[in-house]
Amino acid sequence: MKSSLQAGLTKTRRFDIDEARTIDFLGEDLRVYGTPMFVRDIEWTCRDFLLEHAEAGEDSVGIAIEISHGAATPLGMAVDITVTVTRVEGRQVWFDVEARDAIEEIGRGKHGRFMVALDRLRQRVAEKVGAAKEH
């Protein structure tokens, strides 16, 4: 992880709310941004931000998330997700998150990620897969 990663840095990413990002269980007239997709978009925003500060062979994985999703965003609107680094503790990076559509704030929360060396992660996952096959 590069020394450029510091508390206070921020990034905003826009997501168009297409059909794949909406729920369908309330009917076609109530296709709105689904919370699971909101969580995924938060993770992607933070991950993409961290890749700008990663060394070769590094990436990040999510370790914690706490969000509220209090307003519906209809199909066809866009959402801006803004993430701000609040602290860097070793390989852990913590973010505040705010999301807005064109009308209002739709959610906010906190997200934590852990910077990983991909070669070490591959080795650990392969060992776990091997151990699972023995059970």
N, C-alpha and C. Protein backbone atom coordinates (compact mmCIF):
# COMPACT_ATOMS: atom_id res chain seq x y z
N MET A 1 0.86 -1.17 0.00
CA MET A 1 0.00 0.00 0.00
C MET A 1 0.91 1.24 0.00
N LYS A 2 0.58 2.16 -0.88
CA LYS A 2 1.38 3.36 -1.02
C LYS A 2 1.12 4.35 0.12
N SER A 3 2.10 5.17 0.41
CA SER A 3 1.96 6.17 1.47
C SER A 3 0.98 7.27 1.09
N SER A 4 0.54 7.30 -0.17
CA SER A 4 -0.43 8.32 -0.61
C SER A 4 -1.80 8.11 0.02
N LEU A 5 -2.06 6.93 0.55
CA LEU A 5 -3.36 6.65 1.16
C LEU A 5 -3.42 7.27 2.55
N GLN A 6 -4.27 8.26 2.70
CA GLN A 6 -4.35 9.02 3.95
C GLN A 6 -5.82 9.29 4.30
N ALA A 7 -6.09 9.45 5.58
CA ALA A 7 -7.42 9.87 6.04
C ALA A 7 -7.75 11.21 5.40
N GLY A 8 -9.01 11.37 5.06
CA GLY A 8 -9.49 12.61 4.47
C GLY A 8 -9.65 12.55 2.96
N LEU A 9 -9.00 11.59 2.31
CA LEU A 9 -9.14 11.46 0.86
C LEU A 9 -10.55 10.97 0.53
N THR A 10 -11.07 11.40 -0.60
CA THR A 10 -12.45 11.10 -0.96
C THR A 10 -12.56 10.76 -2.44
N LYS A 11 -13.61 10.02 -2.78
CA LYS A 11 -13.90 9.68 -4.18
C LYS A 11 -15.41 9.55 -4.32
N THR A 12 -15.92 10.01 -5.44
CA THR A 12 -17.34 9.87 -5.75
C THR A 12 -17.45 9.09 -7.06
N ARG A 13 -18.38 8.16 -7.07
CA ARG A 13 -18.63 7.37 -8.27
C ARG A 13 -20.14 7.37 -8.52
N ARG A 14 -20.51 7.52 -9.78
CA ARG A 14 -21.94 7.55 -10.17
C ARG A 14 -22.34 6.18 -10.71
N PHE A 15 -23.52 5.73 -10.28
CA PHE A 15 -24.10 4.48 -10.76
C PHE A 15 -25.47 4.78 -11.34
N ASP A 16 -25.69 4.37 -12.59
CA ASP A 16 -27.02 4.46 -13.18
C ASP A 16 -27.83 3.28 -12.67
N ILE A 17 -29.02 3.57 -12.19
CA ILE A 17 -29.85 2.52 -11.63
C ILE A 17 -30.62 1.85 -12.77
N ASP A 18 -29.99 0.79 -13.26
CA ASP A 18 -30.58 0.00 -14.34
C ASP A 18 -31.37 -1.15 -13.72
N GLU A 19 -32.00 -1.94 -14.56
CA GLU A 19 -32.86 -3.02 -14.07
C GLU A 19 -32.11 -4.01 -13.18
N ALA A 20 -30.86 -4.30 -13.51
CA ALA A 20 -30.08 -5.26 -12.72
C ALA A 20 -29.82 -4.78 -11.30
N ARG A 21 -29.91 -3.47 -11.06
CA ARG A 21 -29.67 -2.93 -9.73
C ARG A 21 -30.96 -2.76 -8.92
N THR A 22 -32.09 -3.18 -9.48
CA THR A 22 -33.36 -2.96 -8.80
C THR A 22 -33.95 -4.25 -8.25
N ILE A 23 -34.86 -4.06 -7.31
CA ILE A 23 -35.65 -5.18 -6.80
C ILE A 23 -36.84 -5.39 -7.71
N ASP A 24 -37.37 -6.62 -7.73
CA ASP A 24 -38.54 -6.89 -8.57
C ASP A 24 -39.73 -7.41 -7.78
N PHE A 25 -39.55 -7.69 -6.50
CA PHE A 25 -40.61 -8.35 -5.73
C PHE A 25 -41.78 -7.46 -5.35
N LEU A 26 -41.68 -6.15 -5.59
CA LEU A 26 -42.81 -5.26 -5.32
C LEU A 26 -43.61 -4.93 -6.59
N GLY A 27 -43.18 -5.50 -7.71
CA GLY A 27 -43.86 -5.25 -8.98
C GLY A 27 -43.07 -4.29 -9.85
N GLU A 28 -43.43 -4.28 -11.12
CA GLU A 28 -42.70 -3.48 -12.10
C GLU A 28 -42.77 -1.98 -11.83
N ASP A 29 -43.88 -1.51 -11.26
CA ASP A 29 -44.02 -0.07 -11.01
C ASP A 29 -43.23 0.39 -9.79
N LEU A 30 -42.67 -0.55 -9.03
CA LEU A 30 -41.86 -0.20 -7.85
C LEU A 30 -40.45 -0.79 -7.96
N ARG A 31 -39.90 -0.76 -9.15
CA ARG A 31 -38.50 -1.18 -9.32
C ARG A 31 -37.62 -0.05 -8.80
N VAL A 32 -36.99 -0.31 -7.66
CA VAL A 32 -36.11 0.67 -7.02
C VAL A 32 -34.78 0.00 -6.69
N TYR A 33 -33.77 0.82 -6.47
CA TYR A 33 -32.42 0.39 -6.13
C TYR A 33 -32.47 -0.57 -4.96
N GLY A 34 -31.96 -1.77 -5.15
CA GLY A 34 -31.96 -2.78 -4.10
C GLY A 34 -30.79 -2.62 -3.15
N THR A 35 -31.04 -2.89 -1.88
CA THR A 35 -29.99 -2.76 -0.87
C THR A 35 -28.79 -3.67 -1.15
N PRO A 36 -28.98 -4.93 -1.57
CA PRO A 36 -27.79 -5.74 -1.87
C PRO A 36 -26.92 -5.12 -2.97
N MET A 37 -27.55 -4.50 -3.95
CA MET A 37 -26.79 -3.86 -5.02
C MET A 37 -26.12 -2.58 -4.52
N PHE A 38 -26.78 -1.89 -3.61
CA PHE A 38 -26.19 -0.70 -2.98
C PHE A 38 -24.91 -1.10 -2.25
N VAL A 39 -24.97 -2.18 -1.49
CA VAL A 39 -23.78 -2.67 -0.78
C VAL A 39 -22.67 -3.01 -1.78
N ARG A 40 -23.03 -3.72 -2.84
CA ARG A 40 -22.03 -4.07 -3.86
C ARG A 40 -21.40 -2.82 -4.45
N ASP A 41 -22.20 -1.80 -4.74
CA ASP A 41 -21.68 -0.57 -5.33
C ASP A 41 -20.77 0.18 -4.36
N ILE A 42 -21.09 0.14 -3.07
CA ILE A 42 -20.19 0.72 -2.07
C ILE A 42 -18.85 -0.01 -2.10
N GLU A 43 -18.91 -1.34 -2.11
CA GLU A 43 -17.66 -2.12 -2.13
C GLU A 43 -16.83 -1.80 -3.37
N TRP A 44 -17.47 -1.73 -4.53
CA TRP A 44 -16.73 -1.43 -5.76
C TRP A 44 -16.13 -0.04 -5.72
N THR A 45 -16.86 0.93 -5.19
CA THR A 45 -16.34 2.30 -5.10
C THR A 45 -15.10 2.34 -4.23
N CYS A 46 -15.17 1.70 -3.07
CA CYS A 46 -14.02 1.69 -2.15
C CYS A 46 -12.86 0.90 -2.74
N ARG A 47 -13.15 -0.24 -3.36
CA ARG A 47 -12.08 -1.06 -3.95
C ARG A 47 -11.39 -0.29 -5.07
N ASP A 48 -12.16 0.30 -5.97
CA ASP A 48 -11.55 1.07 -7.06
C ASP A 48 -10.69 2.20 -6.52
N PHE A 49 -11.17 2.86 -5.48
CA PHE A 49 -10.38 3.92 -4.84
C PHE A 49 -9.06 3.36 -4.31
N LEU A 50 -9.13 2.23 -3.61
CA LEU A 50 -7.91 1.66 -3.03
C LEU A 50 -6.92 1.17 -4.08
N LEU A 51 -7.41 0.71 -5.22
CA LEU A 51 -6.49 0.28 -6.28
C LEU A 51 -5.61 1.42 -6.75
N GLU A 52 -6.08 2.66 -6.62
CA GLU A 52 -5.26 3.82 -6.97
C GLU A 52 -4.07 3.98 -6.02
N HIS A 53 -4.15 3.34 -4.86
CA HIS A 53 -3.11 3.47 -3.83
C HIS A 53 -2.44 2.14 -3.51
N ALA A 54 -2.70 1.14 -4.34
CA ALA A 54 -2.16 -0.21 -4.10
C ALA A 54 -0.83 -0.38 -4.83
N GLU A 55 0.00 -1.22 -4.24
CA GLU A 55 1.23 -1.64 -4.91
C GLU A 55 0.88 -2.75 -5.89
N ALA A 56 1.79 -3.05 -6.79
CA ALA A 56 1.58 -4.16 -7.72
C ALA A 56 1.35 -5.44 -6.91
N GLY A 57 0.36 -6.22 -7.32
CA GLY A 57 0.07 -7.48 -6.63
C GLY A 57 -0.82 -7.34 -5.41
N GLU A 58 -1.33 -6.14 -5.16
CA GLU A 58 -2.23 -5.91 -4.02
C GLU A 58 -3.65 -5.65 -4.52
N ASP A 59 -4.60 -5.97 -3.68
CA ASP A 59 -6.00 -5.66 -3.89
C ASP A 59 -6.61 -5.53 -2.51
N SER A 60 -7.93 -5.45 -2.41
CA SER A 60 -8.55 -5.34 -1.10
C SER A 60 -9.80 -6.20 -1.05
N VAL A 61 -10.16 -6.57 0.17
CA VAL A 61 -11.38 -7.33 0.43
C VAL A 61 -12.16 -6.61 1.52
N GLY A 62 -13.48 -6.74 1.44
CA GLY A 62 -14.32 -6.12 2.46
C GLY A 62 -14.25 -6.90 3.76
N ILE A 63 -14.25 -6.17 4.88
CA ILE A 63 -14.21 -6.82 6.20
C ILE A 63 -15.36 -6.38 7.10
N ALA A 64 -16.02 -5.27 6.77
CA ALA A 64 -17.13 -4.80 7.61
C ALA A 64 -17.96 -3.81 6.81
N ILE A 65 -19.25 -3.82 7.09
CA ILE A 65 -20.12 -2.80 6.49
C ILE A 65 -21.29 -2.55 7.42
N GLU A 66 -21.62 -1.28 7.54
CA GLU A 66 -22.78 -0.85 8.33
C GLU A 66 -23.43 0.29 7.55
N ILE A 67 -24.63 0.05 7.05
CA ILE A 67 -25.28 1.08 6.25
C ILE A 67 -26.74 1.24 6.63
N SER A 68 -27.26 2.39 6.31
CA SER A 68 -28.71 2.60 6.29
C SER A 68 -29.05 2.93 4.84
N HIS A 69 -30.21 2.47 4.41
CA HIS A 69 -30.68 2.71 3.04
C HIS A 69 -32.12 3.19 3.18
N GLY A 70 -32.28 4.48 3.40
CA GLY A 70 -33.56 5.01 3.83
C GLY A 70 -34.43 5.68 2.80
N ALA A 71 -34.00 5.71 1.54
CA ALA A 71 -34.85 6.35 0.52
C ALA A 71 -34.76 5.55 -0.77
N ALA A 72 -35.88 5.44 -1.44
CA ALA A 72 -35.95 4.66 -2.69
C ALA A 72 -35.46 5.51 -3.87
N THR A 73 -34.67 4.85 -4.73
CA THR A 73 -34.24 5.48 -5.98
C THR A 73 -34.83 4.67 -7.12
N PRO A 74 -35.72 5.27 -7.93
CA PRO A 74 -36.37 4.54 -9.00
C PRO A 74 -35.44 4.15 -10.13
N LEU A 75 -35.83 3.12 -10.84
CA LEU A 75 -35.17 2.68 -12.07
C LEU A 75 -35.00 3.89 -12.98
N GLY A 76 -33.81 4.05 -13.55
CA GLY A 76 -33.54 5.13 -14.48
C GLY A 76 -32.85 6.33 -13.88
N MET A 77 -32.87 6.47 -12.57
CA MET A 77 -32.15 7.57 -11.93
C MET A 77 -30.70 7.16 -11.73
N ALA A 78 -29.89 8.08 -11.27
CA ALA A 78 -28.49 7.81 -10.95
C ALA A 78 -28.26 8.06 -9.47
N VAL A 79 -27.26 7.38 -8.92
CA VAL A 79 -26.87 7.56 -7.53
C VAL A 79 -25.37 7.87 -7.50
N ASP A 80 -25.01 8.87 -6.73
CA ASP A 80 -23.61 9.20 -6.49
C ASP A 80 -23.23 8.65 -5.11
N ILE A 81 -22.22 7.79 -5.09
CA ILE A 81 -21.71 7.25 -3.84
C ILE A 81 -20.37 7.94 -3.57
N THR A 82 -20.29 8.60 -2.42
CA THR A 82 -19.07 9.29 -2.02
C THR A 82 -18.48 8.56 -0.83
N VAL A 83 -17.21 8.19 -0.96
CA VAL A 83 -16.51 7.50 0.13
C VAL A 83 -15.35 8.39 0.58
N THR A 84 -15.17 8.43 1.90
CA THR A 84 -14.10 9.22 2.49
C THR A 84 -13.32 8.35 3.45
N VAL A 85 -12.00 8.31 3.27
CA VAL A 85 -11.15 7.54 4.18
C VAL A 85 -11.17 8.22 5.54
N THR A 86 -11.54 7.46 6.57
CA THR A 86 -11.55 8.02 7.93
C THR A 86 -10.32 7.60 8.72
N ARG A 87 -9.79 6.41 8.42
CA ARG A 87 -8.56 6.00 9.10
C ARG A 87 -7.90 4.84 8.34
N VAL A 88 -6.60 4.79 8.49
CA VAL A 88 -5.80 3.71 7.93
C VAL A 88 -5.04 3.11 9.11
N GLU A 89 -5.31 1.83 9.38
CA GLU A 89 -4.68 1.13 10.52
C GLU A 89 -3.96 -0.09 9.97
N GLY A 90 -2.68 0.07 9.69
CA GLY A 90 -1.95 -1.02 9.07
C GLY A 90 -2.54 -1.27 7.70
N ARG A 91 -3.02 -2.49 7.48
CA ARG A 91 -3.61 -2.86 6.18
C ARG A 91 -5.12 -2.66 6.16
N GLN A 92 -5.70 -2.23 7.28
CA GLN A 92 -7.14 -1.95 7.33
C GLN A 92 -7.39 -0.50 6.95
N VAL A 93 -8.42 -0.30 6.11
CA VAL A 93 -8.81 1.04 5.69
C VAL A 93 -10.30 1.20 5.95
N TRP A 94 -10.66 2.30 6.59
CA TRP A 94 -12.05 2.54 6.99
C TRP A 94 -12.59 3.77 6.27
N PHE A 95 -13.83 3.65 5.82
CA PHE A 95 -14.48 4.70 5.03
C PHE A 95 -15.80 5.12 5.67
N ASP A 96 -16.13 6.41 5.53
CA ASP A 96 -17.50 6.89 5.69
C ASP A 96 -18.09 6.90 4.29
N VAL A 97 -19.38 6.59 4.21
CA VAL A 97 -20.07 6.48 2.92
C VAL A 97 -21.32 7.34 2.96
N GLU A 98 -21.55 8.07 1.86
CA GLU A 98 -22.80 8.80 1.68
C GLU A 98 -23.27 8.57 0.25
N ALA A 99 -24.57 8.37 0.08
CA ALA A 99 -25.13 8.16 -1.26
C ALA A 99 -26.32 9.08 -1.46
N ARG A 100 -26.37 9.67 -2.65
CA ARG A 100 -27.44 10.62 -2.99
C ARG A 100 -27.93 10.35 -4.40
N ASP A 101 -29.23 10.48 -4.60
CA ASP A 101 -29.75 10.55 -5.96
C ASP A 101 -30.00 12.03 -6.26
N ALA A 102 -30.67 12.34 -7.35
CA ALA A 102 -30.87 13.74 -7.74
C ALA A 102 -31.76 14.51 -6.77
N ILE A 103 -32.51 13.78 -5.94
CA ILE A 103 -33.49 14.42 -5.06
C ILE A 103 -33.02 14.52 -3.62
N GLU A 104 -32.38 13.44 -3.11
CA GLU A 104 -32.11 13.40 -1.67
C GLU A 104 -31.00 12.41 -1.34
N GLU A 105 -30.58 12.45 -0.09
CA GLU A 105 -29.68 11.42 0.42
C GLU A 105 -30.47 10.12 0.51
N ILE A 106 -29.89 9.04 0.01
CA ILE A 106 -30.59 7.75 0.07
C ILE A 106 -29.99 6.80 1.07
N GLY A 107 -28.76 7.06 1.50
CA GLY A 107 -28.13 6.17 2.46
C GLY A 107 -26.79 6.68 2.91
N ARG A 108 -26.34 6.09 4.01
CA ARG A 108 -25.01 6.43 4.54
C ARG A 108 -24.53 5.28 5.40
N GLY A 109 -23.26 5.29 5.71
CA GLY A 109 -22.73 4.23 6.56
C GLY A 109 -21.23 4.24 6.65
N LYS A 110 -20.71 3.05 7.00
CA LYS A 110 -19.28 2.85 7.18
C LYS A 110 -18.90 1.54 6.50
N HIS A 111 -17.67 1.50 5.99
CA HIS A 111 -17.18 0.30 5.32
C HIS A 111 -15.71 0.14 5.64
N GLY A 112 -15.31 -1.10 5.92
CA GLY A 112 -13.91 -1.41 6.18
C GLY A 112 -13.39 -2.39 5.14
N ARG A 113 -12.16 -2.18 4.72
CA ARG A 113 -11.51 -3.07 3.76
C ARG A 113 -10.11 -3.41 4.26
N PHE A 114 -9.61 -4.53 3.79
CA PHE A 114 -8.28 -5.01 4.17
C PHE A 114 -7.46 -5.18 2.91
N MET A 115 -6.30 -4.55 2.88
CA MET A 115 -5.39 -4.68 1.74
C MET A 115 -4.71 -6.05 1.82
N VAL A 116 -4.75 -6.78 0.70
CA VAL A 116 -4.18 -8.13 0.67
C VAL A 116 -3.15 -8.24 -0.44
N ALA A 117 -2.18 -9.11 -0.19
CA ALA A 117 -1.25 -9.52 -1.24
C ALA A 117 -1.91 -10.69 -1.95
N LEU A 118 -2.17 -10.55 -3.24
CA LEU A 118 -2.93 -11.55 -3.97
C LEU A 118 -2.27 -12.92 -3.96
N ASP A 119 -0.95 -13.00 -4.05
CA ASP A 119 -0.29 -14.31 -4.03
C ASP A 119 -0.51 -15.02 -2.71
N ARG A 120 -0.45 -14.29 -1.61
CA ARG A 120 -0.70 -14.91 -0.28
C ARG A 120 -2.15 -15.33 -0.14
N LEU A 121 -3.07 -14.51 -0.64
CA LEU A 121 -4.49 -14.86 -0.57
C LEU A 121 -4.78 -16.11 -1.40
N ARG A 122 -4.22 -16.18 -2.59
CA ARG A 122 -4.41 -17.38 -3.42
C ARG A 122 -3.94 -18.63 -2.69
N GLN A 123 -2.79 -18.54 -2.04
CA GLN A 123 -2.24 -19.68 -1.31
C GLN A 123 -3.16 -20.09 -0.16
N ARG A 124 -3.65 -19.12 0.60
CA ARG A 124 -4.53 -19.43 1.72
C ARG A 124 -5.85 -20.05 1.26
N VAL A 125 -6.40 -19.53 0.17
CA VAL A 125 -7.65 -20.08 -0.36
C VAL A 125 -7.43 -21.50 -0.87
N ALA A 126 -6.33 -21.73 -1.57
CA ALA A 126 -6.04 -23.07 -2.07
C ALA A 126 -5.88 -24.06 -0.92
N GLU A 127 -5.22 -23.64 0.16
CA GLU A 127 -5.07 -24.51 1.33
C GLU A 127 -6.42 -24.81 1.95
N LYS A 128 -7.29 -23.85 2.00
CA LYS A 128 -8.62 -24.07 2.58
C LYS A 128 -9.44 -25.02 1.71
N VAL A 129 -9.36 -24.84 0.40
CA VAL A 129 -10.07 -25.73 -0.52
C VAL A 129 -9.56 -27.16 -0.32
N GLY A 130 -8.24 -27.32 -0.21
CA GLY A 130 -7.65 -28.65 0.02
C GLY A 130 -8.13 -29.25 1.33
N ALA A 131 -8.17 -28.44 2.38
CA ALA A 131 -8.63 -28.94 3.67
C ALA A 131 -10.11 -29.32 3.62
N ALA A 132 -10.91 -28.55 2.88
CA ALA A 132 -12.34 -28.86 2.78
C ALA A 132 -12.57 -30.19 2.06
N LYS A 133 -11.74 -30.51 1.10
CA LYS A 133 -11.87 -31.77 0.36
C LYS A 133 -11.59 -32.97 1.26
N GLU A 134 -10.81 -32.77 2.31
CA GLU A 134 -10.48 -33.85 3.24
C GLU A 134 -11.62 -34.14 4.21
N HIS A 135 -12.55 -33.22 4.33
CA HIS A 135 -13.67 -33.41 5.27
C HIS A 135 -14.81 -34.11 4.64
